[in-house]
Amino acid sequence: KLAADEKESAIKLAEANLKNALQDELAKKEKALA
């Protein structure tokens, strides 16, 4: 259960990091388009 929790936390963290990265990239593109 602890491993599963850690895995889920890692997935959530990765998703959060990916989301942040995508948001950053999207922000950069929006800035360039602007």
PDB file of all heavy atoms in Angstrom:
ATOM      1  N   LYS A   1       0.824  -1.201   0.000  1.00  0.00           N
ATOM      2  CA  LYS A   1       0.000   0.000   0.000  1.00  0.00           C
ATOM      3  C   LYS A   1       0.847   1.235   0.000  1.00  0.00           C
ATOM      4  O   LYS A   1       0.563   2.217  -0.694  1.00  0.00           O
ATOM      5  CB  LYS A   1      -0.917  -0.032   1.228  1.00  0.00           C
ATOM      6  CG  LYS A   1      -1.939   1.109   1.243  1.00  0.00           C
ATOM      7  CD  LYS A   1      -2.868   0.961   2.430  1.00  0.00           C
ATOM      8  CE  LYS A   1      -3.928   2.051   2.441  1.00  0.00           C
ATOM      9  NZ  LYS A   1      -3.380   3.384   2.467  1.00  0.00           N
ATOM     10  N   LEU A   2       1.937   1.174   0.802  1.00  0.00           N
ATOM     11  CA  LEU A   2       2.844   2.323   0.828  1.00  0.00           C
ATOM     12  C   LEU A   2       3.481   2.570  -0.537  1.00  0.00           C
ATOM     13  O   LEU A   2       3.609   3.707  -0.988  1.00  0.00           O
ATOM     14  CB  LEU A   2       3.909   2.078   1.888  1.00  0.00           C
ATOM     15  CG  LEU A   2       4.944   3.213   2.078  1.00  0.00           C
ATOM     16  CD1 LEU A   2       4.235   4.508   2.497  1.00  0.00           C
ATOM     17  CD2 LEU A   2       5.999   2.823   3.112  1.00  0.00           C
ATOM     18  N   ALA A   3       3.873   1.423  -1.202  1.00  0.00           N
ATOM     19  CA  ALA A   3       4.471   1.550  -2.550  1.00  0.00           C
ATOM     20  C   ALA A   3       3.460   2.115  -3.545  1.00  0.00           C
ATOM     21  O   ALA A   3       3.803   2.954  -4.402  1.00  0.00           O
ATOM     22  CB  ALA A   3       4.979   0.197  -3.022  1.00  0.00           C
ATOM     23  N   ALA A   4       2.214   1.632  -3.399  1.00  0.00           N
ATOM     24  CA  ALA A   4       1.177   2.132  -4.295  1.00  0.00           C
ATOM     25  C   ALA A   4       0.932   3.611  -4.064  1.00  0.00           C
ATOM     26  O   ALA A   4       0.750   4.394  -5.022  1.00  0.00           O
ATOM     27  CB  ALA A   4      -0.112   1.336  -4.103  1.00  0.00           C
ATOM     28  N   ASP A   5       0.927   3.993  -2.762  1.00  0.00           N
ATOM     29  CA  ASP A   5       0.727   5.413  -2.458  1.00  0.00           C
ATOM     30  C   ASP A   5       1.874   6.251  -3.021  1.00  0.00           C
ATOM     31  O   ASP A   5       1.672   7.348  -3.546  1.00  0.00           O
ATOM     32  CB  ASP A   5       0.598   5.592  -0.945  1.00  0.00           C
ATOM     33  CG  ASP A   5      -0.691   4.956  -0.391  1.00  0.00           C
ATOM     34  OD1 ASP A   5      -1.630   4.727  -1.217  1.00  0.00           O
ATOM     35  OD2 ASP A   5      -0.734   4.689   0.818  1.00  0.00           O
ATOM     36  N   GLU A   6       3.081   5.717  -2.819  1.00  0.00           N
ATOM     37  CA  GLU A   6       4.252   6.442  -3.340  1.00  0.00           C
ATOM     38  C   GLU A   6       4.185   6.560  -4.870  1.00  0.00           C
ATOM     39  O   GLU A   6       4.524   7.601  -5.436  1.00  0.00           O
ATOM     40  CB  GLU A   6       5.525   5.733  -2.910  1.00  0.00           C
ATOM     41  CG  GLU A   6       5.810   5.843  -1.421  1.00  0.00           C
ATOM     42  CD  GLU A   6       7.061   5.082  -1.014  1.00  0.00           C
ATOM     43  OE1 GLU A   6       7.628   4.388  -1.905  1.00  0.00           O
ATOM     44  OE2 GLU A   6       7.497   5.212   0.130  1.00  0.00           O
ATOM     45  N   LYS A   7       3.734   5.422  -5.499  1.00  0.00           N
ATOM     46  CA  LYS A   7       3.614   5.438  -6.944  1.00  0.00           C
ATOM     47  C   LYS A   7       2.579   6.463  -7.388  1.00  0.00           C
ATOM     48  O   LYS A   7       2.821   7.236  -8.333  1.00  0.00           O
ATOM     49  CB  LYS A   7       3.225   4.048  -7.451  1.00  0.00           C
ATOM     50  CG  LYS A   7       3.092   3.963  -8.960  1.00  0.00           C
ATOM     51  CD  LYS A   7       2.690   2.556  -9.389  1.00  0.00           C
ATOM     52  CE  LYS A   7       2.529   2.503 -10.925  1.00  0.00           C
ATOM     53  NZ  LYS A   7       2.094   1.151 -11.353  1.00  0.00           N
ATOM     54  N   GLU A   8       1.434   6.483  -6.695  1.00  0.00           N
ATOM     55  CA  GLU A   8       0.393   7.440  -7.042  1.00  0.00           C
ATOM     56  C   GLU A   8       0.855   8.864  -6.833  1.00  0.00           C
ATOM     57  O   GLU A   8       0.578   9.750  -7.659  1.00  0.00           O
ATOM     58  CB  GLU A   8      -0.845   7.151  -6.206  1.00  0.00           C
ATOM     59  CG  GLU A   8      -2.056   8.005  -6.608  1.00  0.00           C
ATOM     60  CD  GLU A   8      -3.291   7.638  -5.806  1.00  0.00           C
ATOM     61  OE1 GLU A   8      -3.228   6.700  -5.001  1.00  0.00           O
ATOM     62  OE2 GLU A   8      -4.326   8.329  -6.021  1.00  0.00           O
ATOM     63  N   SER A   9       1.604   9.048  -5.708  1.00  0.00           N
ATOM     64  CA  SER A   9       2.142  10.383  -5.449  1.00  0.00           C
ATOM     65  C   SER A   9       3.119  10.794  -6.541  1.00  0.00           C
ATOM     66  O   SER A   9       3.142  11.953  -7.004  1.00  0.00           O
ATOM     67  CB  SER A   9       2.829  10.404  -4.069  1.00  0.00           C
ATOM     68  OG  SER A   9       1.895  10.128  -3.056  1.00  0.00           O
ATOM     69  N   ALA A  10       3.950   9.810  -6.939  1.00  0.00           N
ATOM     70  CA  ALA A  10       4.916  10.112  -8.004  1.00  0.00           C
ATOM     71  C   ALA A  10       4.213  10.453  -9.323  1.00  0.00           C
ATOM     72  O   ALA A  10       4.628  11.362 -10.039  1.00  0.00           O
ATOM     73  CB  ALA A  10       5.859   8.919  -8.189  1.00  0.00           C
ATOM     74  N   ILE A  11       3.114   9.656  -9.606  1.00  0.00           N
ATOM     75  CA  ILE A  11       2.367   9.930 -10.832  1.00  0.00           C
ATOM     76  C   ILE A  11       1.741  11.310 -10.793  1.00  0.00           C
ATOM     77  O   ILE A  11       1.797  12.075 -11.754  1.00  0.00           O
ATOM     78  CB  ILE A  11       1.308   8.835 -11.050  1.00  0.00           C
ATOM     79  CG1 ILE A  11       1.991   7.503 -11.399  1.00  0.00           C
ATOM     80  CG2 ILE A  11       0.348   9.232 -12.153  1.00  0.00           C
ATOM     81  CD1 ILE A  11       1.039   6.314 -11.437  1.00  0.00           C
ATOM     82  N   LYS A  12       1.137  11.620  -9.600  1.00  0.00           N
ATOM     83  CA  LYS A  12       0.512  12.933  -9.460  1.00  0.00           C
ATOM     84  C   LYS A  12       1.548  14.041  -9.588  1.00  0.00           C
ATOM     85  O   LYS A  12       1.304  15.080 -10.219  1.00  0.00           O
ATOM     86  CB  LYS A  12      -0.199  13.028  -8.123  1.00  0.00           C
ATOM     87  CG  LYS A  12      -1.454  12.173  -8.044  1.00  0.00           C
ATOM     88  CD  LYS A  12      -2.130  12.320  -6.681  1.00  0.00           C
ATOM     89  CE  LYS A  12      -3.426  11.492  -6.598  1.00  0.00           C
ATOM     90  NZ  LYS A  12      -4.089  11.623  -5.283  1.00  0.00           N
ATOM     91  N   LEU A  13       2.731  13.761  -8.952  1.00  0.00           N
ATOM     92  CA  LEU A  13       3.804  14.752  -9.056  1.00  0.00           C
ATOM     93  C   LEU A  13       4.261  14.936 -10.508  1.00  0.00           C
ATOM     94  O   LEU A  13       4.489  16.065 -10.968  1.00  0.00           O
ATOM     95  CB  LEU A  13       4.972  14.330  -8.167  1.00  0.00           C
ATOM     96  CG  LEU A  13       6.186  15.278  -8.154  1.00  0.00           C
ATOM     97  CD1 LEU A  13       5.767  16.661  -7.627  1.00  0.00           C
ATOM     98  CD2 LEU A  13       7.314  14.694  -7.305  1.00  0.00           C
ATOM     99  N   ALA A  14       4.396  13.776 -11.191  1.00  0.00           N
ATOM    100  CA  ALA A  14       4.805  13.851 -12.605  1.00  0.00           C
ATOM    101  C   ALA A  14       3.754  14.578 -13.433  1.00  0.00           C
ATOM    102  O   ALA A  14       4.081  15.384 -14.305  1.00  0.00           O
ATOM    103  CB  ALA A  14       5.048  12.438 -13.141  1.00  0.00           C
ATOM    104  N   GLU A  15       2.477  14.247 -13.169  1.00  0.00           N
ATOM    105  CA  GLU A  15       1.410  14.931 -13.894  1.00  0.00           C
ATOM    106  C   GLU A  15       1.424  16.419 -13.618  1.00  0.00           C
ATOM    107  O   GLU A  15       1.244  17.238 -14.530  1.00  0.00           O
ATOM    108  CB  GLU A  15       0.063  14.329 -13.502  1.00  0.00           C
ATOM    109  CG  GLU A  15      -0.169  12.925 -14.051  1.00  0.00           C
ATOM    110  CD  GLU A  15      -1.507  12.353 -13.582  1.00  0.00           C
ATOM    111  OE1 GLU A  15      -2.122  12.992 -12.710  1.00  0.00           O
ATOM    112  OE2 GLU A  15      -1.915  11.284 -14.093  1.00  0.00           O
ATOM    113  N   ALA A  16       1.665  16.752 -12.295  1.00  0.00           N
ATOM    114  CA  ALA A  16       1.728  18.166 -11.945  1.00  0.00           C
ATOM    115  C   ALA A  16       2.887  18.854 -12.652  1.00  0.00           C
ATOM    116  O   ALA A  16       2.759  19.967 -13.183  1.00  0.00           O
ATOM    117  CB  ALA A  16       1.839  18.320 -10.428  1.00  0.00           C
ATOM    118  N   ASN A  17       4.072  18.144 -12.637  1.00  0.00           N
ATOM    119  CA  ASN A  17       5.246  18.717 -13.316  1.00  0.00           C
ATOM    120  C   ASN A  17       4.984  18.885 -14.821  1.00  0.00           C
ATOM    121  O   ASN A  17       5.369  19.896 -15.431  1.00  0.00           O
ATOM    122  CB  ASN A  17       6.456  17.837 -13.070  1.00  0.00           C
ATOM    123  CG  ASN A  17       6.910  17.860 -11.605  1.00  0.00           C
ATOM    124  OD1 ASN A  17       6.673  18.849 -10.877  1.00  0.00           O
ATOM    125  ND2 ASN A  17       7.568  16.782 -11.156  1.00  0.00           N
ATOM    126  N   LEU A  18       4.374  17.823 -15.423  1.00  0.00           N
ATOM    127  CA  LEU A  18       4.080  17.885 -16.854  1.00  0.00           C
ATOM    128  C   LEU A  18       3.099  19.003 -17.162  1.00  0.00           C
ATOM    129  O   LEU A  18       3.256  19.749 -18.143  1.00  0.00           O
ATOM    130  CB  LEU A  18       3.527  16.544 -17.339  1.00  0.00           C
ATOM    131  CG  LEU A  18       3.179  16.448 -18.832  1.00  0.00           C
ATOM    132  CD1 LEU A  18       4.418  16.698 -19.687  1.00  0.00           C
ATOM    133  CD2 LEU A  18       2.597  15.064 -19.161  1.00  0.00           C
ATOM    134  N   LYS A  19       2.075  19.108 -16.273  1.00  0.00           N
ATOM    135  CA  LYS A  19       1.092  20.162 -16.459  1.00  0.00           C
ATOM    136  C   LYS A  19       1.740  21.530 -16.370  1.00  0.00           C
ATOM    137  O   LYS A  19       1.463  22.427 -17.171  1.00  0.00           O
ATOM    138  CB  LYS A  19      -0.017  20.006 -15.429  1.00  0.00           C
ATOM    139  CG  LYS A  19      -1.158  20.988 -15.610  1.00  0.00           C
ATOM    140  CD  LYS A  19      -2.254  20.715 -14.595  1.00  0.00           C
ATOM    141  CE  LYS A  19      -3.415  21.697 -14.770  1.00  0.00           C
ATOM    142  NZ  LYS A  19      -4.479  21.442 -13.781  1.00  0.00           N
ATOM    143  N   ASN A  20       2.630  21.677 -15.373  1.00  0.00           N
ATOM    144  CA  ASN A  20       3.335  22.950 -15.225  1.00  0.00           C
ATOM    145  C   ASN A  20       4.207  23.254 -16.447  1.00  0.00           C
ATOM    146  O   ASN A  20       4.281  24.389 -16.907  1.00  0.00           O
ATOM    147  CB  ASN A  20       4.173  22.924 -13.950  1.00  0.00           C
ATOM    148  CG  ASN A  20       3.319  22.881 -12.682  1.00  0.00           C
ATOM    149  OD1 ASN A  20       2.179  23.385 -12.677  1.00  0.00           O
ATOM    150  ND2 ASN A  20       3.853  22.289 -11.602  1.00  0.00           N
ATOM    151  N   ALA A  21       4.910  22.156 -16.921  1.00  0.00           N
ATOM    152  CA  ALA A  21       5.760  22.344 -18.097  1.00  0.00           C
ATOM    153  C   ALA A  21       4.923  22.746 -19.313  1.00  0.00           C
ATOM    154  O   ALA A  21       5.302  23.633 -20.080  1.00  0.00           O
ATOM    155  CB  ALA A  21       6.549  21.069 -18.388  1.00  0.00           C
ATOM    156  N   LEU A  22       3.774  22.038 -19.478  1.00  0.00           N
ATOM    157  CA  LEU A  22       2.892  22.374 -20.595  1.00  0.00           C
ATOM    158  C   LEU A  22       2.349  23.786 -20.466  1.00  0.00           C
ATOM    159  O   LEU A  22       2.250  24.515 -21.460  1.00  0.00           O
ATOM    160  CB  LEU A  22       1.745  21.370 -20.672  1.00  0.00           C
ATOM    161  CG  LEU A  22       2.120  19.944 -21.097  1.00  0.00           C
ATOM    162  CD1 LEU A  22       0.910  19.009 -20.988  1.00  0.00           C
ATOM    163  CD2 LEU A  22       2.665  19.914 -22.521  1.00  0.00           C
ATOM    164  N   GLN A  23       1.992  24.143 -19.252  1.00  0.00           N
ATOM    165  CA  GLN A  23       1.494  25.503 -19.036  1.00  0.00           C
ATOM    166  C   GLN A  23       2.571  26.534 -19.353  1.00  0.00           C
ATOM    167  O   GLN A  23       2.301  27.581 -19.940  1.00  0.00           O
ATOM    168  CB  GLN A  23       0.997  25.648 -17.595  1.00  0.00           C
ATOM    169  CG  GLN A  23      -0.312  24.905 -17.335  1.00  0.00           C
ATOM    170  CD  GLN A  23      -0.762  25.018 -15.885  1.00  0.00           C
ATOM    171  OE1 GLN A  23      -0.001  25.503 -15.027  1.00  0.00           O
ATOM    172  NE2 GLN A  23      -1.981  24.570 -15.592  1.00  0.00           N
ATOM    173  N   ASP A  24       3.809  26.225 -18.918  1.00  0.00           N
ATOM    174  CA  ASP A  24       4.925  27.134 -19.232  1.00  0.00           C
ATOM    175  C   ASP A  24       5.118  27.255 -20.737  1.00  0.00           C
ATOM    176  O   ASP A  24       5.326  28.356 -21.283  1.00  0.00           O
ATOM    177  CB  ASP A  24       6.202  26.650 -18.556  1.00  0.00           C
ATOM    178  CG  ASP A  24       6.131  26.744 -17.035  1.00  0.00           C
ATOM    179  OD1 ASP A  24       5.284  27.534 -16.535  1.00  0.00           O
ATOM    180  OD2 ASP A  24       6.911  26.033 -16.356  1.00  0.00           O
ATOM    181  N   GLU A  25       5.108  26.052 -21.440  1.00  0.00           N
ATOM    182  CA  GLU A  25       5.295  26.068 -22.894  1.00  0.00           C
ATOM    183  C   GLU A  25       4.157  26.815 -23.583  1.00  0.00           C
ATOM    184  O   GLU A  25       4.375  27.594 -24.504  1.00  0.00           O
ATOM    185  CB  GLU A  25       5.368  24.628 -23.425  1.00  0.00           C
ATOM    186  CG  GLU A  25       5.696  24.501 -24.901  1.00  0.00           C
ATOM    187  CD  GLU A  25       7.106  24.931 -25.217  1.00  0.00           C
ATOM    188  OE1 GLU A  25       7.963  24.888 -24.306  1.00  0.00           O
ATOM    189  OE2 GLU A  25       7.356  25.296 -26.390  1.00  0.00           O
ATOM    190  N   LEU A  26       2.937  26.551 -23.079  1.00  0.00           N
ATOM    191  CA  LEU A  26       1.781  27.243 -23.645  1.00  0.00           C
ATOM    192  C   LEU A  26       1.871  28.747 -23.416  1.00  0.00           C
ATOM    193  O   LEU A  26       1.551  29.550 -24.303  1.00  0.00           O
ATOM    194  CB  LEU A  26       0.495  26.685 -23.030  1.00  0.00           C
ATOM    195  CG  LEU A  26      -0.820  27.271 -23.544  1.00  0.00           C
ATOM    196  CD1 LEU A  26      -0.957  27.003 -25.036  1.00  0.00           C
ATOM    197  CD2 LEU A  26      -2.007  26.663 -22.784  1.00  0.00           C
ATOM    198  N   ALA A  27       2.349  29.106 -22.242  1.00  0.00           N
ATOM    199  CA  ALA A  27       2.513  30.523 -21.935  1.00  0.00           C
ATOM    200  C   ALA A  27       3.534  31.161 -22.870  1.00  0.00           C
ATOM    201  O   ALA A  27       3.348  32.284 -23.356  1.00  0.00           O
ATOM    202  CB  ALA A  27       2.922  30.697 -20.474  1.00  0.00           C
ATOM    203  N   LYS A  28       4.656  30.405 -23.115  1.00  0.00           N
ATOM    204  CA  LYS A  28       5.677  30.924 -24.021  1.00  0.00           C
ATOM    205  C   LYS A  28       5.103  31.111 -25.435  1.00  0.00           C
ATOM    206  O   LYS A  28       5.355  32.125 -26.092  1.00  0.00           O
ATOM    207  CB  LYS A  28       6.866  29.977 -24.062  1.00  0.00           C
ATOM    208  CG  LYS A  28       7.668  29.959 -22.761  1.00  0.00           C
ATOM    209  CD  LYS A  28       8.840  28.990 -22.891  1.00  0.00           C
ATOM    210  CE  LYS A  28       9.662  28.949 -21.562  1.00  0.00           C
ATOM    211  NZ  LYS A  28      10.782  27.987 -21.655  1.00  0.00           N
ATOM    212  N   LYS A  29       4.336  30.062 -25.901  1.00  0.00           N
ATOM    213  CA  LYS A  29       3.753  30.161 -27.241  1.00  0.00           C
ATOM    214  C   LYS A  29       2.741  31.287 -27.325  1.00  0.00           C
ATOM    215  O   LYS A  29       2.686  32.016 -28.326  1.00  0.00           O
ATOM    216  CB  LYS A  29       3.098  28.838 -27.626  1.00  0.00           C
ATOM    217  CG  LYS A  29       4.115  27.720 -27.895  1.00  0.00           C
ATOM    218  CD  LYS A  29       3.423  26.464 -28.381  1.00  0.00           C
ATOM    219  CE  LYS A  29       4.467  25.386 -28.713  1.00  0.00           C
ATOM    220  NZ  LYS A  29       3.824  24.144 -29.195  1.00  0.00           N
ATOM    221  N   GLU A  30       1.916  31.420 -26.281  1.00  0.00           N
ATOM    222  CA  GLU A  30       0.955  32.507 -26.263  1.00  0.00           C
ATOM    223  C   GLU A  30       1.646  33.853 -26.289  1.00  0.00           C
ATOM    224  O   GLU A  30       1.209  34.791 -26.971  1.00  0.00           O
ATOM    225  CB  GLU A  30       0.064  32.379 -25.037  1.00  0.00           C
ATOM    226  CG  GLU A  30      -0.931  31.220 -25.117  1.00  0.00           C
ATOM    227  CD  GLU A  30      -1.759  31.115 -23.852  1.00  0.00           C
ATOM    228  OE1 GLU A  30      -1.438  31.825 -22.877  1.00  0.00           O
ATOM    229  OE2 GLU A  30      -2.726  30.322 -23.840  1.00  0.00           O
ATOM    230  N   LYS A  31       2.769  33.935 -25.587  1.00  0.00           N
ATOM    231  CA  LYS A  31       3.540  35.169 -25.583  1.00  0.00           C
ATOM    232  C   LYS A  31       4.101  35.468 -26.967  1.00  0.00           C
ATOM    233  O   LYS A  31       4.053  36.609 -27.457  1.00  0.00           O
ATOM    234  CB  LYS A  31       4.662  35.067 -24.555  1.00  0.00           C
ATOM    235  CG  LYS A  31       5.465  36.351 -24.414  1.00  0.00           C
ATOM    236  CD  LYS A  31       6.546  36.187 -23.345  1.00  0.00           C
ATOM    237  CE  LYS A  31       7.381  37.470 -23.204  1.00  0.00           C
ATOM    238  NZ  LYS A  31       8.456  37.317 -22.198  1.00  0.00           N
ATOM    239  N   ALA A  32       4.669  34.374 -27.624  1.00  0.00           N
ATOM    240  CA  ALA A  32       5.227  34.554 -28.971  1.00  0.00           C
ATOM    241  C   ALA A  32       4.138  34.964 -29.963  1.00  0.00           C
ATOM    242  O   ALA A  32       4.335  35.848 -30.803  1.00  0.00           O
ATOM    243  CB  ALA A  32       5.912  33.273 -29.436  1.00  0.00           C
ATOM    244  N   LEU A  33       2.956  34.284 -29.857  1.00  0.00           N
ATOM    245  CA  LEU A  33       1.840  34.634 -30.728  1.00  0.00           C
ATOM    246  C   LEU A  33       1.370  36.055 -30.490  1.00  0.00           C
ATOM    247  O   LEU A  33       1.031  36.788 -31.430  1.00  0.00           O
ATOM    248  CB  LEU A  33       0.688  33.652 -30.525  1.00  0.00           C
ATOM    249  CG  LEU A  33       0.905  32.226 -31.052  1.00  0.00           C
ATOM    250  CD1 LEU A  33      -0.248  31.322 -30.643  1.00  0.00           C
ATOM    251  CD2 LEU A  33       1.048  32.220 -32.570  1.00  0.00           C
ATOM    252  N   ALA A  34       1.356  36.430 -29.229  1.00  0.00           N
ATOM    253  CA  ALA A  34       0.962  37.792 -28.911  1.00  0.00           C
ATOM    254  C   ALA A  34       1.932  38.799 -29.507  1.00  0.00           C
ATOM    255  O   ALA A  34       1.530  39.849 -30.038  1.00  0.00           O
ATOM    256  CB  ALA A  34       0.866  37.961 -27.393  1.00  0.00           C
TER     257      ALA A  34
END
